[in-house]
Protein backbone atom coordinates (compact mmCIF):
# COMPACT_ATOMS: atom_id res chain seq x y z
CA MET A 1 150.91 103.59 142.07
CA HIS A 2 151.48 102.42 145.63
CA THR A 3 155.03 101.35 146.45
CA LEU A 4 155.96 97.84 147.61
CA SER A 5 158.62 96.51 149.97
CA VAL A 6 159.33 92.78 149.77
CA ILE A 7 160.75 91.22 152.94
CA ILE A 8 162.49 87.84 153.01
CA ILE A 9 164.33 85.87 155.69
CA SER A 10 166.77 83.13 154.78
CA LYS A 11 169.39 80.61 155.80
CA ASN A 12 171.13 78.23 153.39
CA GLU A 13 168.57 78.66 150.59
CA GLU A 14 170.84 78.78 147.53
CA ASP A 15 168.87 75.96 145.91
CA ARG A 16 165.49 77.69 146.24
CA ILE A 17 165.85 81.44 146.58
CA THR A 18 166.36 82.38 142.91
CA PRO A 19 162.73 81.68 141.84
CA CYS A 20 161.59 83.74 144.83
CA LEU A 21 163.72 86.75 143.90
CA GLU A 22 162.94 86.45 140.18
CA SER A 23 159.21 86.52 140.91
CA VAL A 24 159.36 89.82 142.82
CA LYS A 25 162.21 91.74 141.16
CA ASP A 26 159.93 93.60 138.71
CA LEU A 27 157.19 94.12 141.29
CA ALA A 28 159.10 95.48 144.27
CA ASN A 29 160.40 98.99 144.84
CA GLU A 30 162.77 97.47 147.38
CA ILE A 31 163.76 93.95 148.39
CA ILE A 32 164.89 93.49 152.00
CA LEU A 33 166.57 90.25 153.02
CA PHE A 34 167.67 89.20 156.50
CA ASP A 35 169.96 86.18 156.47
CA SER A 36 170.80 84.32 159.68
CA GLY A 37 174.27 83.05 158.86
CA SER A 38 174.10 81.10 155.60
CA VAL A 39 177.22 79.12 154.75
CA ASP A 40 176.23 78.60 151.11
CA ARG A 41 175.70 81.11 148.27
CA THR A 42 172.37 82.50 149.54
CA VAL A 43 173.71 85.97 150.38
CA GLU A 44 175.75 86.15 147.17
CA ILE A 45 172.65 85.36 145.11
CA ALA A 46 170.50 87.83 147.04
CA ARG A 47 172.98 90.66 146.44
CA GLN A 48 172.49 90.20 142.70
CA TYR A 49 168.92 91.43 143.23
CA THR A 50 169.22 93.93 146.09
CA ASP A 51 171.73 95.87 148.15
CA LYS A 52 169.46 95.74 151.19
CA VAL A 53 170.86 92.54 152.68
CA TRP A 54 171.50 92.10 156.39
CA VAL A 55 173.41 89.12 157.82
CA THR A 56 172.72 88.48 161.50
CA ASP A 57 174.83 86.38 163.84
CA ASP A 58 171.81 85.00 165.66
CA TRP A 59 168.46 83.34 165.01
CA PRO A 60 165.84 84.85 167.33
CA GLY A 61 162.99 83.01 165.62
CA ASP A 62 160.68 83.43 162.64
CA GLY A 63 158.50 86.27 163.92
CA PHE A 64 161.40 88.19 165.45
CA GLN A 65 163.53 87.99 162.30
CA LYS A 66 160.67 89.00 160.03
CA GLN A 67 159.94 91.98 162.26
CA ARG A 68 163.58 93.04 161.84
CA ALA A 69 163.06 93.02 158.09
CA LEU A 70 159.75 94.86 158.39
CA ASP A 71 161.43 97.55 160.49
CA GLN A 72 163.67 98.37 157.51
CA ALA A 73 160.78 98.70 155.03
CA VAL A 74 159.80 102.18 153.85
CA CYS A 75 157.17 101.56 151.15
CA ASP A 76 153.38 101.89 151.37
CA TRP A 77 152.75 98.15 151.15
CA VAL A 78 154.74 95.09 152.18
CA LEU A 79 154.88 91.57 150.78
CA SER A 80 156.28 88.99 153.18
CA ILE A 81 157.53 85.99 151.23
CA ASP A 82 159.68 83.07 152.31
CA ALA A 83 162.80 82.02 150.43
CA ASP A 84 161.14 78.75 149.37
CA GLU A 85 158.12 80.56 147.90
CA PHE A 86 157.48 82.47 144.68
CA LEU A 87 154.61 84.25 142.96
CA ASP A 88 153.14 82.69 139.86
CA GLU A 89 152.39 85.00 136.94
CA LYS A 90 148.70 85.44 137.73
CA MET A 91 149.46 86.40 141.32
CA LYS A 92 152.07 88.91 140.19
CA GLN A 93 149.56 90.56 137.87
CA ALA A 94 146.90 90.60 140.59
CA ILE A 95 149.23 92.34 143.05
CA ARG A 96 150.33 94.81 140.39
CA LYS A 97 146.66 95.62 139.68
CA ILE A 98 145.95 96.27 143.38
CA LEU A 99 148.95 98.54 143.80
CA SER A 100 147.91 100.56 140.75
CA GLN A 101 144.58 101.53 142.33
CA GLU A 102 144.26 105.05 143.67
CA ARG A 103 142.29 103.94 146.73
CA ILE A 104 142.50 100.54 148.38
CA GLU A 105 139.86 99.66 150.99
CA GLU A 106 141.75 96.64 152.33
CA VAL A 107 144.66 96.84 154.73
CA ALA A 108 145.81 93.32 153.89
CA TYR A 109 145.35 90.41 151.52
CA LYS A 110 145.63 86.67 151.96
CA LEU A 111 147.39 84.82 149.13
CA PRO A 112 146.31 81.25 148.31
CA TRP A 113 149.12 78.75 148.73
CA GLY A 114 150.22 76.47 145.93
CA ASN A 115 152.16 73.78 147.81
CA VAL A 116 154.27 71.56 145.58
CA ILE A 117 155.04 67.99 146.71
CA LEU A 118 157.03 65.65 144.46
CA GLY A 119 156.42 67.86 141.44
CA GLU A 120 152.65 68.23 141.84
CA GLN A 121 150.64 71.06 143.36
CA LEU A 122 148.35 70.17 146.24
CA ARG A 123 145.00 71.96 146.17
CA PHE A 124 143.22 70.65 149.25
CA GLY A 125 143.92 69.79 152.89
CA ARG A 126 146.35 72.19 154.54
CA SER A 127 147.24 73.47 151.08
CA SER A 128 143.82 75.10 150.73
CA ARG A 129 144.90 77.80 153.18
CA ALA A 130 145.65 81.39 152.24
CA PRO A 131 148.11 83.11 154.60
CA LYS A 132 148.09 86.88 155.08
CA ARG A 133 151.18 88.15 153.23
CA LEU A 134 150.39 91.44 151.46
CA PHE A 135 149.64 94.33 153.81
CA LYS A 136 149.86 98.05 154.40
CA ARG A 137 153.04 98.81 156.29
CA GLU A 138 151.66 101.50 158.57
CA GLY A 139 150.35 100.03 161.82
CA ALA A 140 151.26 96.44 160.98
CA TYR A 141 153.57 94.16 162.95
CA ILE A 142 154.59 90.51 163.12
CA THR A 143 153.98 88.44 166.24
CA PRO A 144 157.19 87.87 168.27
CA VAL A 145 157.28 84.06 168.17
CA VAL A 146 159.90 81.48 167.22
CA VAL A 147 157.72 79.50 164.79
CA HIS A 148 155.30 80.89 162.19
CA GLY A 149 155.07 84.59 163.03
CA GLN A 150 151.70 86.09 162.06
CA ILE A 151 151.10 89.46 160.41
CA VAL A 152 148.82 91.60 162.56
CA THR A 153 146.76 94.39 160.97
CA GLU A 154 143.59 96.30 161.81
CA GLY A 155 141.01 96.69 159.07
CA LYS A 156 139.53 94.88 156.10
CA VAL A 157 141.31 91.74 154.89
CA SER A 158 140.45 90.02 151.61
CA VAL A 159 141.62 86.91 149.79
CA LEU A 160 143.35 87.49 146.48
CA ASN A 161 141.84 84.68 144.42
CA GLU A 162 143.97 85.11 141.32
CA GLY A 163 147.03 82.93 141.00
CA TYR A 164 149.06 81.32 143.76
CA LEU A 165 151.84 81.92 146.22
CA MET A 166 153.79 78.85 145.18
CA HIS A 167 155.52 76.95 147.99
CA ASN A 168 158.36 74.54 147.25
CA SER A 169 158.89 73.63 150.88
CA LEU A 170 160.41 70.14 150.79
CA ARG A 171 163.88 69.11 149.67
CA GLY A 172 163.12 65.46 150.40
CA PHE A 173 161.42 63.12 152.85
CA ASP A 174 164.19 63.56 155.41
CA HIS A 175 163.59 67.32 155.22
CA LEU A 176 159.88 66.74 155.87
CA LEU A 177 160.73 64.68 158.97
CA GLU A 178 163.15 67.35 160.17
CA LYS A 179 160.61 70.18 159.75
CA ASN A 180 157.94 68.10 161.46
CA ARG A 181 160.17 67.52 164.48
CA THR A 182 161.53 71.07 164.69
CA TYR A 183 158.20 72.87 164.36
CA SER A 184 156.50 70.49 166.79
CA TRP A 185 159.16 70.94 169.45
CA GLU A 186 159.30 74.72 169.10
CA THR A 187 155.50 74.88 169.44
CA THR A 188 155.70 72.62 172.50
CA ARG A 189 158.22 74.95 174.11
CA LYS A 190 156.03 77.95 173.31
CA TYR A 191 152.94 76.32 174.88
CA PHE A 192 154.97 75.32 177.95
CA SER A 193 156.34 78.85 178.45
CA GLU A 194 152.79 80.20 178.23
CA GLY A 195 151.57 77.76 180.88
CA LYS A 196 149.25 75.93 178.51
CA SER A 197 148.03 72.54 179.76
CA SER A 198 148.58 69.33 177.81
CA TYR A 199 145.53 67.58 179.32
CA GLY A 200 147.47 64.32 179.17
CA VAL A 201 148.58 61.88 176.50
CA VAL A 202 145.02 60.79 175.72
CA PHE A 203 144.21 64.35 174.68
CA ALA A 204 147.31 64.35 172.46
CA ILE A 205 145.92 61.28 170.68
CA VAL A 206 142.45 62.80 170.31
CA ARG A 207 143.91 66.06 169.03
CA ALA A 208 146.04 64.18 166.49
CA LEU A 209 143.03 62.21 165.21
CA TRP A 210 141.01 65.41 164.92
CA THR A 211 143.85 67.03 162.93
CA PHE A 212 143.86 64.11 160.50
CA PHE A 213 140.07 64.20 160.12
CA HIS A 214 140.07 67.98 159.64
CA ILE A 215 142.78 67.96 156.96
CA TYR A 216 141.97 64.73 155.12
CA ILE A 217 138.15 64.78 155.27
CA LEU A 218 136.81 68.27 156.06
CA ARG A 219 139.41 70.04 153.94
CA LEU A 220 139.16 67.35 151.22
CA GLY A 221 142.80 66.28 151.46
CA PHE A 222 141.82 62.88 150.03
CA LEU A 223 141.33 64.58 146.65
CA ASP A 224 145.11 65.08 146.49
CA GLY A 225 145.63 61.30 146.42
CA ASN A 226 148.64 59.74 148.12
CA ARG A 227 150.31 63.12 148.51
CA GLY A 228 147.30 64.39 150.40
CA LEU A 229 147.27 61.30 152.61
CA LEU A 230 150.98 61.68 153.34
CA MET A 231 150.58 65.30 154.45
CA ALA A 232 147.51 64.55 156.57
CA VAL A 233 149.42 61.82 158.41
CA MET A 234 152.44 64.06 158.92
CA PHE A 235 150.32 66.88 160.39
CA CYS A 236 148.54 64.30 162.55
CA GLN A 237 151.91 63.15 163.86
CA ALA A 238 153.04 66.76 164.44
CA SER A 239 149.89 67.47 166.45
CA PHE A 240 150.49 64.43 168.66
CA ASN A 241 154.14 65.36 169.16
CA LYS A 242 153.26 68.92 170.25
CA TYR A 243 150.88 67.86 173.01
CA ALA A 244 152.70 64.69 174.05
CA GLY A 245 155.86 66.79 174.33
CA LEU A 246 153.98 69.32 176.45
CA TRP A 247 152.82 66.54 178.78
CA TYR A 248 156.40 65.28 179.02
CA LEU A 249 157.68 68.73 180.04
CA GLU A 250 154.93 69.04 182.65
CA ILE A 251 155.83 65.72 184.26
CA GLU A 252 159.54 66.51 184.05
CA LYS A 253 158.91 69.80 185.88
CA LYS A 254 156.98 68.06 188.65
CA ILE A 255 159.77 65.53 189.16
CA LYS A 256 162.35 68.29 189.41
CA HIS A 257 160.24 70.15 191.99
CA LYS A 258 160.00 66.99 194.10
CA ASP A 259 163.78 66.70 194.11
């Protein structure tokens, strides 16, 4: 059987991390957690499941912190899971079946998300995605970015269509607004540092409308009812904020250069 390292990053997740740890404790050969300064019981809870807990005094960003955790992994395969996620039973069995194979052609697997909003699982829209989370350790790395680091591998990637990677991402509507603002602004800063053009506020509006159409119509978000509509509008707003913010920084830079 192939061995499995589970890597997790956290901060102030005492209300959500237990289901995550419970879902992987019988699957993992090692659980590695990097915490960026929790002031609640997150670290205490984590240490009930693993002695491989690191507490950092900084927050370099999502991709950077996950790479730190990956650097500590020693097993054949790695599962990257967030503190607000957990594997349902079918997904656990599917991963166990893969790891029990003598030869695995794939170098990575994408796990379908099971986003939960107000007690119900969304199945369409953005929730129809399957992020790459299970991968061979050798040769893999995580992109060094502040928001949403991506796992990079070379080779065959398949989707594991058995069960879900459940995602309990929202503590409330205020939390949704906070995440929307934070992720949008961090993406704006990333685009600005890379020299990406905003193409003006009109483009920000067009991009936002396209995002809504893509999520709500093309990805069938309307089938998730009011929850699907809510999420489509929020991603539409986030898209506008990213590019409008980029335009703002561009104009601000020009004004400073004139001075």
